[in-house]
Protein backbone atom coordinates (compact mmCIF):
# COMPACT_ATOMS: atom_id res chain seq x y z
CA MET A 1 13.02 182.70 158.33
CA ILE A 2 14.34 179.19 159.01
CA VAL A 3 15.20 180.22 162.58
CA LEU A 4 11.64 181.43 163.13
CA ILE A 5 10.21 178.13 161.88
CA ALA A 6 12.60 176.20 164.14
CA ALA A 7 11.58 178.34 167.14
CA VAL A 8 7.87 177.77 166.50
CA LEU A 9 8.50 174.04 166.06
CA GLY A 10 10.44 174.00 169.35
CA VAL A 11 7.54 175.63 171.19
CA VAL A 12 5.04 173.16 169.73
CA VAL A 13 7.23 170.18 170.65
CA GLY A 14 7.83 171.62 174.12
CA LEU A 15 4.11 172.14 174.70
CA SER A 16 3.19 168.65 173.54
CA ARG A 17 5.90 167.08 175.72
CA ALA A 18 4.81 169.10 178.77
CA LYS A 19 1.19 168.12 178.11
CA ALA A 20 2.23 164.47 177.92
CA ARG A 21 3.95 164.88 181.30
CA GLY A 22 0.70 166.24 182.72
CA GLY A 23 2.15 169.65 183.53
CA ASN A 24 -0.01 172.64 184.31
CA ARG A 25 -0.09 175.80 182.18
CA LEU A 26 2.85 177.44 183.96
CA ASP A 27 4.94 174.29 183.60
CA MET A 28 4.05 174.10 179.91
CA ALA A 29 5.03 177.74 179.38
CA GLN A 30 8.34 177.24 181.18
CA TYR A 31 9.07 174.05 179.22
CA ALA A 32 8.23 175.78 175.93
CA ALA A 33 10.48 178.73 176.81
CA VAL A 34 13.41 176.42 177.59
CA HIS A 35 13.04 174.32 174.45
CA GLY A 36 11.89 177.10 172.15
């Protein structure tokens, strides 16, 4: 359960960071996968 929450949090953080970098959707997905 805790691992699932951490994974979701990682994806959210990854998406927000990629968005801040101005990445496109593919870049955001890749970033989220790496950090999630």
